[in-house]
Structures are given as structure tokens and as C-alpha cells.
Protein backbone atom coordinates (compact mmCIF):
# COMPACT_ATOMS: atom_id res chain seq x y z
CA MET A 1 -61.32 88.21 -183.73
CA ASN A 2 -58.32 85.94 -184.31
CA GLU A 3 -56.00 85.77 -187.27
CA ILE A 4 -54.17 83.02 -189.13
CA THR A 5 -51.45 83.80 -191.64
CA ILE A 6 -50.25 81.24 -194.17
CA ASN A 7 -47.09 81.88 -196.20
CA ILE A 8 -46.67 79.49 -199.11
CA GLU A 9 -45.50 79.68 -202.70
CA SER A 10 -44.53 83.36 -202.39
CA MET A 11 -48.10 84.17 -201.37
CA THR A 12 -49.43 85.38 -198.03
CA PHE A 13 -52.95 84.48 -197.01
CA GLN A 14 -54.28 86.27 -193.94
CA PHE A 15 -57.49 84.80 -192.53
CA PHE A 16 -59.69 86.57 -189.98
CA ILE A 17 -61.54 84.15 -187.71
CA LYS A 18 -64.81 84.87 -185.93
CA ASP A 19 -66.89 82.03 -184.49
CA ASP A 20 -67.25 79.42 -187.28
CA LYS A 21 -66.30 81.81 -190.09
CA ARG A 22 -62.97 82.43 -191.79
CA GLN A 23 -62.62 85.44 -194.02
CA LEU A 24 -59.91 86.19 -196.58
CA LYS A 25 -59.57 89.40 -198.55
CA LEU A 26 -57.50 89.52 -201.74
CA ALA A 27 -56.89 92.55 -203.89
CA LYS A 28 -57.99 92.00 -207.44
CA SER A 29 -54.45 92.83 -208.45
CA GLN A 30 -53.35 89.64 -206.66
CA THR A 31 -55.65 87.60 -208.87
CA ARG A 32 -56.42 87.27 -212.58
CA VAL A 33 -60.13 87.68 -212.15
CA LYS A 34 -61.80 89.65 -214.94
CA ASP A 35 -65.38 88.81 -214.07
CA ILE A 36 -66.82 87.79 -210.71
CA ARG A 37 -68.66 84.97 -212.45
CA GLN A 38 -65.30 83.25 -212.90
CA LEU A 39 -65.37 82.53 -209.15
CA ALA A 40 -68.58 80.50 -209.23
CA LEU A 41 -66.51 77.31 -209.16
CA ILE A 42 -65.25 78.19 -205.67
CA CYS A 43 -68.80 78.34 -204.31
CA GLU A 44 -69.80 74.90 -205.59
CA GLU A 45 -70.45 72.37 -202.83
CA THR A 46 -68.05 69.44 -202.76
CA ASP A 47 -66.75 66.89 -200.23
CA TYR A 48 -63.21 68.12 -200.73
CA PHE A 49 -63.77 71.70 -199.53
CA VAL A 50 -65.71 73.54 -196.83
CA PRO A 51 -68.64 75.76 -197.93
CA ALA A 52 -67.52 79.11 -199.33
CA GLU A 53 -68.97 82.44 -200.46
CA VAL A 54 -67.40 85.15 -202.61
CA ALA A 55 -68.16 88.89 -202.57
CA ASP A 56 -66.88 91.59 -204.91
CA GLU A 57 -66.14 94.88 -203.14
CA ASP A 58 -64.61 97.43 -205.54
CA ASP A 59 -60.97 96.36 -205.79
CA ILE A 60 -61.25 93.66 -203.07
CA ILE A 61 -62.52 90.11 -203.37
CA THR A 62 -63.76 88.69 -200.06
CA PHE A 63 -63.81 84.92 -199.52
CA SER A 64 -65.90 83.61 -196.59
CA PHE A 65 -65.51 79.99 -195.45
CA THR A 66 -67.82 78.20 -192.99
CA ILE A 67 -66.12 75.76 -190.59
CA ASP A 68 -68.13 73.12 -188.78
CA HIS A 69 -67.68 73.75 -185.04
CA ARG A 70 -67.31 69.99 -184.51
CA ALA A 71 -64.39 69.77 -186.92
CA GLN A 72 -60.93 68.96 -185.58
CA LYS A 73 -58.02 71.28 -186.27
CA TRP A 74 -54.37 70.40 -186.69
CA ALA A 75 -53.72 71.04 -182.99
CA ASP A 76 -56.44 68.51 -182.14
CA VAL A 77 -55.23 65.70 -184.38
CA SER A 78 -51.66 66.23 -183.14
CA LYS A 79 -52.80 64.73 -179.82
CA LEU A 80 -54.10 61.50 -181.38
CA GLY A 81 -52.41 58.13 -181.15
CA ARG A 82 -49.98 56.95 -183.79
CA SER A 83 -52.54 54.65 -185.41
CA ASP A 84 -55.10 57.45 -185.88
CA LYS A 85 -52.44 59.82 -187.16
CA LEU A 86 -51.41 57.34 -189.83
CA ARG A 87 -55.05 56.81 -190.78
CA LEU A 88 -55.74 60.51 -191.35
CA LEU A 89 -52.49 60.83 -193.33
CA CYS A 90 -53.65 58.00 -195.57
CA ASN A 91 -56.92 59.89 -196.06
CA LEU A 92 -55.03 62.92 -197.40
CA ALA A 93 -54.35 60.94 -200.56
CA ARG A 94 -57.91 61.72 -201.68
CA PHE A 95 -56.82 65.21 -202.79
CA ARG A 96 -54.65 63.74 -205.54
CA LYS A 97 -57.78 63.48 -207.68
CA LEU A 98 -58.00 67.29 -207.74
CA LEU A 99 -54.72 67.58 -209.62
CA THR A 100 -56.54 66.96 -212.90
CA THR A 101 -59.31 69.51 -212.27
CA ARG A 102 -59.51 73.28 -212.60
CA MET A 103 -59.37 73.60 -208.81
CA THR A 104 -56.05 74.41 -207.17
CA PHE A 105 -55.07 74.10 -203.51
CA PHE A 106 -52.17 73.67 -201.11
CA LEU A 107 -51.65 71.29 -198.20
CA HIS A 108 -50.93 73.19 -195.00
CA PRO A 109 -51.81 72.45 -191.34
CA ASP A 110 -53.88 75.65 -191.10
CA ASN A 111 -55.74 74.91 -194.34
CA LEU A 112 -57.04 71.52 -193.20
CA ILE A 113 -59.88 70.36 -190.97
CA PHE A 114 -60.97 66.80 -190.11
CA ASP A 115 -64.35 65.28 -189.29
CA ASP A 116 -65.03 62.57 -186.69
CA ASN A 117 -63.84 59.88 -189.10
CA LEU A 118 -60.61 61.81 -189.73
CA ILE A 119 -61.64 62.60 -193.30
CA PRO A 120 -59.87 65.84 -194.29
CA SER A 121 -61.34 68.89 -196.02
CA LEU A 122 -59.58 71.93 -197.46
CA VAL A 123 -60.56 75.46 -196.42
CA TYR A 124 -59.07 77.69 -199.10
CA ARG A 125 -58.83 76.76 -202.77
CA GLY A 126 -58.04 78.57 -205.96
CA ILE A 127 -58.81 78.29 -209.65
CA ARG A 128 -56.20 77.42 -212.20
CA ASP A 129 -54.88 80.60 -213.90
CA VAL A 130 -57.57 82.73 -212.15
CA VAL A 131 -57.12 82.69 -208.35
CA PRO A 132 -53.85 81.74 -206.62
CA PRO A 133 -52.33 79.29 -206.39
CA TYR A 134 -52.46 79.27 -210.17
CA GLU A 135 -50.81 75.85 -210.52
CA ILE A 136 -50.52 72.64 -208.50
CA ASP A 137 -48.72 69.59 -209.85
CA GLU A 138 -47.86 66.19 -208.43
CA GLU A 139 -44.34 67.18 -207.44
CA LYS A 140 -45.54 70.05 -205.23
CA PHE A 141 -48.36 67.91 -203.91
CA ILE A 142 -45.97 65.11 -202.86
CA LEU A 143 -43.57 67.58 -201.22
CA GLN A 144 -46.37 69.18 -199.20
CA TYR A 145 -47.70 65.71 -198.38
CA LYS A 146 -44.29 64.60 -197.05
CA CYS A 147 -43.94 67.74 -194.95
CA LEU A 148 -47.35 67.14 -193.38
CA ILE A 149 -46.46 63.52 -192.57
CA ILE A 150 -43.19 64.39 -190.83
CA ALA A 151 -44.62 67.49 -189.09
CA LEU A 152 -47.39 65.43 -187.51
CA PHE A 153 -44.87 63.13 -185.79
CA SER A 154 -41.79 65.32 -185.38
CA LYS A 155 -41.13 67.28 -182.19
CA LYS A 156 -38.22 69.04 -183.84
CA TYR A 157 -39.55 70.49 -187.11
CA SER A 158 -42.70 72.38 -188.06
CA PHE A 159 -44.38 72.21 -191.47
CA ASP A 160 -43.06 75.62 -192.53
CA GLU A 161 -39.48 74.66 -191.62
CA LEU A 162 -39.74 71.39 -193.50
CA TYR A 163 -41.26 73.04 -196.59
CA SER A 164 -38.51 75.65 -196.54
CA GLY A 165 -35.85 72.95 -196.97
CA SER A 166 -35.37 71.24 -193.60
CA ILE A 167 -37.03 68.08 -194.89
CA LYS A 168 -33.60 66.96 -196.07
CA ASN A 169 -32.40 67.00 -192.45
CA ALA A 170 -35.43 65.22 -190.99
CA THR A 171 -33.85 61.81 -190.39
CA ASP A 172 -34.25 61.44 -186.61
CA THR A 173 -36.31 58.25 -186.99
CA GLU A 174 -36.40 55.43 -189.51
CA PHE A 175 -39.95 56.39 -190.46
CA GLU A 176 -38.96 60.01 -191.21
CA ARG A 177 -36.01 58.82 -193.27
CA GLN A 178 -38.24 56.49 -195.33
CA VAL A 179 -40.78 59.28 -195.92
CA GLY A 180 -38.05 61.61 -197.14
CA GLU A 181 -36.67 58.95 -199.52
CA ALA A 182 -40.05 58.12 -201.11
CA ASP A 183 -39.67 59.37 -204.71
CA ASN A 184 -43.26 58.96 -205.95
CA PHE A 185 -46.84 58.98 -204.76
CA THR A 186 -47.30 55.19 -204.93
CA SER A 187 -44.31 54.39 -202.71
CA LEU A 188 -45.35 57.09 -200.23
CA ILE A 189 -48.90 55.74 -199.89
CA LYS A 190 -47.60 52.18 -199.62
CA LEU A 191 -45.30 53.24 -196.77
CA LEU A 192 -48.18 54.92 -194.92
CA GLU A 193 -50.54 51.98 -195.37
CA GLU A 194 -47.97 49.40 -194.24
CA ASN A 195 -47.18 51.40 -191.11
CA TYR A 196 -50.87 51.94 -190.43
CA ILE A 197 -51.71 48.23 -190.70
CA LYS A 198 -48.78 47.32 -188.45
CA GLU A 199 -49.70 49.96 -185.88
CA LYS A 200 -53.35 48.97 -185.98
CA LYS A 201 -52.50 45.33 -185.20
CA GLU A 202 -50.33 46.43 -182.27
CA THR A 203 -53.12 48.65 -181.00
CA GLU A 204 -55.73 45.90 -181.26
CA LYS A 205 -53.37 43.52 -179.51
CA ASN A 206 -52.60 45.82 -176.59
CA MET A 207 -55.77 47.91 -176.34
CA GLN A 208 -59.48 47.30 -176.18
CA TYR A 209 -62.33 49.64 -177.01
CA VAL A 210 -64.96 50.00 -174.31
CA PRO A 211 -68.19 52.02 -174.10
CA LYS A 212 -67.85 55.51 -172.66
CA LYS A 213 -70.07 54.66 -169.70
CA ARG A 214 -67.89 51.73 -168.79
CA PHE A 215 -64.77 53.82 -169.27
CA ARG A 216 -66.14 56.50 -166.93
CA LEU A 217 -66.97 53.79 -164.41
CA PHE A 218 -63.44 52.40 -164.63
CA LYS A 219 -62.07 55.93 -164.29
CA GLN A 220 -64.14 56.60 -161.18
CA LEU A 221 -63.17 53.27 -159.67
CA THR A 222 -59.54 54.06 -160.36
CA PHE A 223 -59.77 57.35 -158.48
CA ILE A 224 -61.57 55.61 -155.62
CA MET A 225 -58.88 52.93 -155.43
CA ILE A 226 -56.16 55.58 -155.46
CA ALA A 227 -57.90 57.42 -152.63
CA LEU A 228 -58.27 54.20 -150.63
CA SER A 229 -54.63 53.35 -151.25
CA VAL A 230 -53.55 56.72 -149.92
CA ILE A 231 -55.81 56.36 -146.87
CA LEU A 232 -54.45 52.87 -146.15
CA ALA A 233 -50.91 54.00 -146.80
CA VAL A 234 -51.05 56.60 -144.02
CA PRO A 235 -51.32 54.10 -141.13
CA THR A 236 -48.87 51.80 -142.89
CA VAL A 237 -46.30 54.57 -143.14
CA TYR A 238 -47.03 55.59 -139.55
CA PHE A 239 -46.47 52.09 -138.18
CA SER A 240 -43.45 51.49 -140.42
CA PHE A 241 -41.57 54.72 -139.84
CA VAL A 242 -42.94 56.03 -136.52
CA LYS A 243 -44.63 53.43 -134.34
CA SER A 244 -42.36 50.50 -135.11
CA PRO A 245 -39.06 52.36 -134.43
CA PHE A 246 -40.60 53.82 -131.27
CA GLN A 247 -41.55 50.35 -129.99
CA LYS A 248 -38.11 49.05 -130.92
CA HIS A 249 -36.38 51.80 -128.91
CA LEU A 250 -38.71 51.16 -125.98
CA ILE A 251 -38.00 47.41 -125.95
CA GLU A 252 -34.25 47.98 -126.17
CA ALA A 253 -34.44 50.50 -123.33
CA HIS A 254 -36.22 47.93 -121.12
CA HIS A 255 -33.51 45.37 -121.90
CA HIS A 256 -30.80 47.85 -120.88
CA PHE A 257 -32.75 48.74 -117.74
CA LEU A 258 -32.94 45.08 -116.68
CA ALA A 259 -29.20 44.88 -117.26
CA GLN A 260 -28.79 48.00 -115.07
CA ASP A 261 -27.09 49.79 -117.95
CA TYR A 262 -28.76 53.14 -117.25
CA GLY A 263 -26.59 55.13 -119.65
CA LYS A 264 -27.83 53.07 -122.60
CA VAL A 265 -31.42 53.46 -121.41
CA ILE A 266 -30.97 57.23 -121.64
CA SER A 267 -29.28 57.11 -125.06
CA GLU A 268 -31.91 54.70 -126.45
CA LEU A 269 -34.78 57.03 -125.53
CA ASP A 270 -32.90 60.26 -126.14
CA GLY A 271 -34.86 61.24 -129.24
CA GLU A 272 -38.29 60.36 -127.87
CA ASN A 273 -40.83 62.80 -126.45
CA PRO A 274 -41.01 61.86 -122.75
CA GLU A 275 -44.66 62.89 -122.46
CA LYS A 276 -45.62 60.34 -125.14
CA LEU A 277 -43.84 57.50 -123.37
CA PRO A 278 -46.00 54.91 -121.57
CA ASP A 279 -45.87 54.84 -117.77
CA SER A 280 -43.27 52.07 -117.79
CA GLY A 281 -41.13 54.08 -120.21
CA LYS A 282 -41.34 57.20 -118.04
CA TYR A 283 -40.42 55.13 -115.01
CA ILE A 284 -37.29 53.49 -116.42
CA LEU A 285 -36.10 56.76 -117.97
CA ALA A 286 -36.65 58.81 -114.80
CA TYR A 287 -35.01 56.06 -112.72
CA SER A 288 -32.01 56.01 -115.07
CA TYR A 289 -31.59 59.79 -114.93
CA VAL A 290 -31.69 59.75 -111.12
CA LYS A 291 -29.16 56.91 -111.08
CA THR A 292 -26.79 58.91 -113.28
CA GLU A 293 -27.38 62.19 -111.39
CA SER A 294 -24.27 63.62 -109.70
CA LEU A 295 -25.52 62.96 -106.16
CA ASP A 296 -24.35 60.93 -103.20
CA GLU A 297 -25.87 57.51 -102.71
CA ALA A 298 -27.99 58.53 -99.72
CA PRO A 299 -29.83 61.36 -101.55
CA LYS A 300 -30.26 59.12 -104.58
CA GLU A 301 -31.85 56.40 -102.47
CA ALA A 302 -34.17 58.98 -100.91
CA ILE A 303 -35.32 60.09 -104.36
CA LEU A 304 -35.62 56.58 -105.76
CA LYS A 305 -38.05 55.66 -102.97
CA ASN A 306 -40.52 57.99 -104.69
CA VAL A 307 -39.75 56.75 -108.23
CA SER A 308 -41.93 53.79 -109.14
CA LEU A 309 -44.50 52.67 -111.69
CA LYS A 310 -47.20 54.18 -109.46
CA SER A 311 -45.47 57.56 -109.18
CA ASP A 312 -47.16 60.71 -110.44
CA ALA A 313 -46.33 61.15 -114.14
CA ASN A 314 -45.34 64.78 -113.51
CA TYR A 315 -42.86 63.68 -110.85
CA LEU A 316 -41.25 61.26 -113.30
CA LEU A 317 -41.22 63.89 -116.04
CA TYR A 318 -39.52 66.29 -113.63
CA TRP A 319 -36.50 64.01 -113.33
CA ILE A 320 -36.49 63.27 -117.07
CA TYR A 321 -36.42 66.95 -118.04
CA ASN A 322 -33.92 67.61 -115.27
CA GLY A 323 -31.66 64.89 -116.65
CA ARG A 324 -31.95 66.30 -120.17
CA GLY A 325 -30.96 69.76 -118.97
CA ASP A 326 -34.36 71.33 -119.67
CA PHE A 327 -34.52 73.03 -116.28
CA ASP A 328 -37.19 75.55 -117.27
CA GLN A 329 -39.57 72.67 -117.96
CA SER A 330 -38.55 70.80 -114.81
CA VAL A 331 -39.12 73.89 -112.63
CA ASP A 332 -42.56 74.39 -114.20
CA LEU A 333 -43.44 70.78 -113.37
CA ALA A 334 -42.15 71.21 -109.81
CA ARG A 335 -44.38 74.27 -109.41
CA TYR A 336 -47.32 72.28 -110.73
CA ILE A 337 -46.58 69.49 -108.25
CA ASP A 338 -46.12 72.22 -105.59
CA ASP A 339 -42.93 70.69 -104.20
CA PRO A 340 -40.65 73.51 -102.90
CA VAL A 341 -37.62 71.24 -102.59
CA LEU A 342 -37.87 70.18 -106.24
CA ILE A 343 -38.37 73.82 -107.25
CA MET A 344 -35.24 74.90 -105.38
CA TYR A 345 -33.30 71.98 -106.79
CA GLY A 346 -34.29 73.10 -110.26
CA PHE A 347 -33.06 76.65 -109.60
CA VAL A 348 -29.77 75.31 -108.26
CA LYS A 349 -29.33 73.31 -111.48
CA LYS A 350 -30.19 76.39 -113.55
CA ILE A 351 -27.50 78.36 -111.70
CA GLU A 352 -24.95 75.62 -112.37
CA LYS A 353 -25.94 75.51 -116.03
CA ALA A 354 -25.59 79.29 -116.41
CA LYS A 355 -22.15 79.26 -114.81
CA ASN A 356 -20.94 76.52 -117.16
CA ASP A 357 -22.57 77.83 -120.36
CA PRO A 358 -19.76 78.88 -122.77
CA ASN A 359 -22.26 80.61 -125.06
CA LEU A 360 -23.06 83.30 -122.47
CA SER A 361 -20.99 86.44 -122.13
CA GLY A 362 -19.78 87.50 -118.71
CA THR A 363 -22.60 90.01 -118.29
CA GLU A 364 -25.26 87.59 -119.48
CA ARG A 365 -23.94 84.87 -117.20
CA GLU A 366 -23.95 87.19 -114.19
CA GLU A 367 -27.50 88.37 -114.92
CA GLU A 368 -28.76 84.81 -115.36
CA VAL A 369 -27.12 83.63 -112.13
CA GLN A 370 -28.41 86.64 -110.20
CA LYS A 371 -31.96 86.15 -111.48
CA ASN A 372 -32.05 82.48 -110.46
CA GLN A 373 -30.43 83.20 -107.09
CA GLU A 374 -33.15 85.72 -106.30
CA GLN A 375 -35.90 83.25 -107.15
CA LEU A 376 -34.14 80.57 -105.12
CA LYS A 377 -33.89 82.91 -102.10
CA THR A 378 -37.60 83.67 -102.39
CA TYR A 379 -38.44 80.00 -101.87
CA THR A 380 -35.90 79.43 -99.10
CA ASP A 381 -37.23 82.44 -97.16
CA LYS A 382 -40.83 81.39 -97.70
CA TYR A 383 -40.42 77.82 -96.48
CA GLY A 384 -37.94 78.59 -93.66
CA LEU A 385 -35.07 76.66 -95.16
CA GLU A 386 -32.34 79.17 -94.21
CA THR A 387 -29.74 76.46 -93.95
CA LEU A 388 -29.86 76.12 -97.73
CA LEU A 389 -28.32 79.60 -98.02
CA LYS A 390 -25.21 78.85 -96.01
CA LEU A 391 -21.96 79.48 -97.78
CA GLN A 392 -20.02 76.53 -99.08
CA ASN A 393 -17.03 75.89 -96.82
CA SER A 394 -14.78 74.54 -99.53
CA ASP A 395 -13.54 75.60 -102.98
CA THR A 396 -14.80 79.20 -102.53
CA THR A 397 -11.55 81.11 -102.70
CA ASN A 398 -12.25 82.45 -106.20
CA ASN A 399 -15.70 83.62 -105.12
CA SER A 400 -14.63 85.46 -101.90
CA GLU A 401 -14.89 88.93 -103.45
CA GLU A 402 -18.39 88.21 -104.69
CA THR A 403 -19.36 86.93 -101.20
CA ASN A 404 -17.92 90.03 -99.48
CA GLN A 405 -20.17 92.22 -101.63
CA GLY A 406 -23.17 90.75 -99.82
CA GLN A 407 -24.21 88.13 -102.38
CA ALA A 408 -25.26 84.85 -100.82
CA GLN A 409 -23.73 81.81 -102.47
CA GLU A 410 -26.25 79.33 -103.83
CA PRO A 411 -26.62 75.98 -102.08
CA ASN A 412 -25.29 72.97 -103.88
CA THR A 413 -27.48 70.12 -105.07
CA GLN A 414 -26.46 67.87 -102.17
CA ASP A 415 -27.79 70.41 -99.64
CA VAL A 416 -31.21 70.48 -101.28
CA ILE A 417 -31.55 66.73 -101.43
CA LYS A 418 -30.26 66.34 -97.85
CA GLN A 419 -32.82 68.89 -96.72
CA GLU A 420 -35.56 66.87 -98.41
CA GLU A 421 -34.25 63.70 -96.80
CA THR A 422 -33.98 65.39 -93.35
CA THR A 423 -37.55 66.63 -93.59
CA GLU A 424 -38.74 63.14 -94.42
CA ASN A 425 -36.73 61.64 -91.51
CA LYS A 426 -38.19 64.16 -89.06
CA ASP A 427 -41.67 63.21 -90.13
CA VAL A 428 -40.88 59.53 -89.68
CA ASN A 429 -39.37 60.09 -86.16
CA ALA A 430 -42.33 62.19 -85.07
CA GLN A 431 -44.68 59.45 -86.19
CA LYS A 432 -42.69 56.84 -84.23
CA ASN A 433 -42.75 58.99 -81.04
CA ASN A 434 -46.51 59.40 -81.33
CA GLU A 435 -46.93 55.66 -81.64
CA LYS A 436 -44.80 55.04 -78.49
CA THR A 437 -46.78 57.59 -76.45
CA ASN A 438 -50.05 55.97 -77.47
CA GLU A 439 -48.75 52.53 -76.45
CA LYS A 440 -47.69 53.76 -72.95
CA ALA A 441 -51.05 55.41 -72.35
CA LYS A 442 -52.79 52.20 -73.28
CA GLU A 443 -50.60 50.18 -70.84
CA ASN A 444 -51.27 52.61 -67.97
CA LYS A 445 -54.97 52.40 -68.57
CA GLU A 446 -54.89 48.60 -68.48
CA ASN A 447 -52.78 48.61 -65.24
CA GLY A 448 -55.30 50.93 -63.58
CA LYS A 449 -58.13 48.58 -64.39
CA SER A 450 -56.30 45.55 -62.96
CA ASN A 451 -55.48 47.36 -59.65
CA LYS A 452 -59.12 48.30 -59.23
CA ASN A 453 -60.20 44.68 -59.66
CA VAL A 454 -57.72 43.48 -57.00
CA LYS A 455 -59.00 46.04 -54.49
CA GLU A 456 -62.61 44.99 -55.06
CA ASN A 457 -61.73 41.31 -54.49
CA LYS A 458 -60.08 42.07 -51.12
CA GLU A 459 -63.12 44.02 -49.90
CA ASN A 460 -65.42 41.13 -50.77
CA GLU A 461 -63.27 38.66 -48.80
CA ASN A 462 -63.30 40.87 -45.65
CA LYS A 463 -67.08 41.08 -45.76
CA LYS A 464 -67.33 37.32 -45.84
């Protein structure tokens, strides 16, 4: 059960609400009722008031009011448009006729309900000199009317604040100021009607009434169009902010590659994921990284022989990640390719990186170097590349103590690449020797056949 309390004219009315019923209990001492039959006027049916019943319970008089569940409350009409608000305010003028009857009332947001046509009805009413409010005159009626008008539009003042005296300060808009200055009922109604007619014309000019079915259809179509717009916006945004810049960087990188400006190729594609690059993009980026690698020309040329558009994508990615300093990824790729020389080269680069990393402490640096050296030694022992473990003959003075402790110094990058090149050269030389041997055997075989033919010819001549 809810409650509504109305404080007006030094009286407090506390209504208990349950479903479509409002109940008010007044002590007989708060009224001037001498006989319950005096309250029959309250129960009479009229268009100005909601249906009511009165019960006499000892010293308490109980008023029960029935509210149509379809009726709109003050909170509902506060959400209407300006034109409808002005229309319902004009309709409040109908209560002026009650000023000359025995019925009394008060205008208050919680004492009003409105039907579908915005025609107002009063909930509570009294009887002159019998049930409060005992009196209602035009002055009070106009004041309450003004407070309702301003309260319906104002976001600053409520009805109770305005009725308590704040109406004098309600001048935020020209309309509020004009309402406050209206000194009689006629001028107030004229102001409302003029504003209503003006607002109605503006509404008719800018708005159009449509059937509910059509409105729902328009609403559904609007949501569908919004959804389609979002769906279409996704690829547009993708091409505008992702695909287009990517293509632009790729084109610029190709231009720099043709100009043999390999540093700009690297910087142009620096922010791109190498695995998402097309084959041509992987090729020019891997080629550029090899070109800028700190190697002699001979090892570089040996590597570049294997870097082409037809190269394995993992091989190209190896050199890209190597150039970007992501040696963990490059070693993983080398293991996948199963190329021991590339694996060892990756470990050598990891050792160099650890030695030059300023973010590592001395202990961390030593542990990292030791770990990579051990893995490097595992591969050199496995593939019989002992020469890669030879000590460097130059610039090792500072490392002599470490060498004397039995730690093998890691091979430099040139040694690894030279080893790869030497292995390739040996294979080429062996192939050439095999070809020469096959040619000599073929010549000997042909010479043997020719000698045999000569011998047979001589024997035939002797017989003749």
C-alpha cells in the first residue's frame, strides 16, 4: 500500500493507495460535520470529480475514491509535448464554475487525474463550512492555477515551492514571467489559449500524425536501417583505417626497395605484422634486413641466393624476425625449418643481445649468456661443427679470465655464415668432381669400342 500526502492551506491530507482506490481518514474534530447525511453531496456523481464513498466510523470519517486505471497522473502528463500540456492547462479552467457552488476543492498535482482527452477531474473535494477546505475563492483558485502552469513546465520549481512563495522568483522564461504577471482569470486564460494556438500551428507545421501500425512499421524500418548502417560501416572503417594504410605502407616499401633504400623499406613496414604480409612484402622486407645485417659481403651474397619470391615463407620470416631482434621467434622458425646453421646463428645473436642489454643485471646477463652458449654447443657437437667453437683471436683480452675458467667463447656471426657458405661450396665441388668422373668413364668406353672395330677390320682384310 502506497501513500500520498498533500499539505495545503494548513491542512494535511494523507491518502492510502491500493490498486484503483484512494482512502482518506479524517477525524470528526477536523471537520464540522454534525450529521453524516451532510456528506451526501460528496457522493453525488459529477464530471468534475471521481466517484466517492463516505463511511462513518465512530470518531473517524473515511472517504474512498475510485480512480480509473486508464487515467493519467501528473507524472504522466509531465512527459507530454508542449502543445498537449497547454491544452490540458486550458481545460483546468472548467473548475472555475465550482466557485459558486457548495463544493470546495484545491488544485494540486496529486489531486488531479486526466482522461485520454486530457480532461481533468478532481479526486478530493470538500463542502463549504462542513468539510475542509471550508472556503475557496477566485484569488486562491488563480494562485493555485498559476502554480500548476509553471510547475508543469519548470525544471527548477515544484508546485509546493511555488505555492509557498517561490512563484515571485519564477521568471526563468518569458512564459513564466507572463503567467506570474497575469492579475485576473481572463488574462491568464487568454495567455494560455494564445500560446496553445501558436504551439499547435508549429506542431502541425513540423509534425504529422500517422496510424500506430504505420508508426511501428517506420520504427522497425528505422532499426533495420541502423543495423544495416552499422554492418556496412564495419568494412568501411576496416578499409579506411586498416586496409588502406596497410596498402599504402606496402606500396611505399616497394618504391624504396626499387630505389635500393633498404633502411626506408624496414622503417615503412616496421609496424606491420610480418606474417600478414603478402609474399612480395615478406621478400622485400627479408631482403632488406639481410642487406642491413652486420655481415661481410660474401656471407650476405650466400644468404641472398636463398632469398627470393619463391623462398619458403618461414625462411623469409626467419630473417625478418632476426632483423627485428626477436631472436626467440627466429630460433623457433629455424627449428621448424630444421636448419642447424640458422639455429646456431640465432643463438649467437641471442648471446650478443644479452651481452648488450642494459636492462639486465650482471648475474642475469651471465645466466642468459651461459644458457644460450650451452644450447649453441649442443648443436655444434651434434652436427660436427667444432670449428665454430674456436676462440676469437682478436679483441679477447678482457675475456681471458673467463676463457681460462674453461668456458668456450661463442663463435661470431661471420663464422656461422662462413660455415654455411663452406658447406654449400663443398657440395658444389663434390658435384663437379662426380660430373668429371662420369665424363671420363664415358670417353674410355667409347675409345674401347673404336679399338675393337679397328681390330675386326684388319682381320677381315687378312682373310681376303
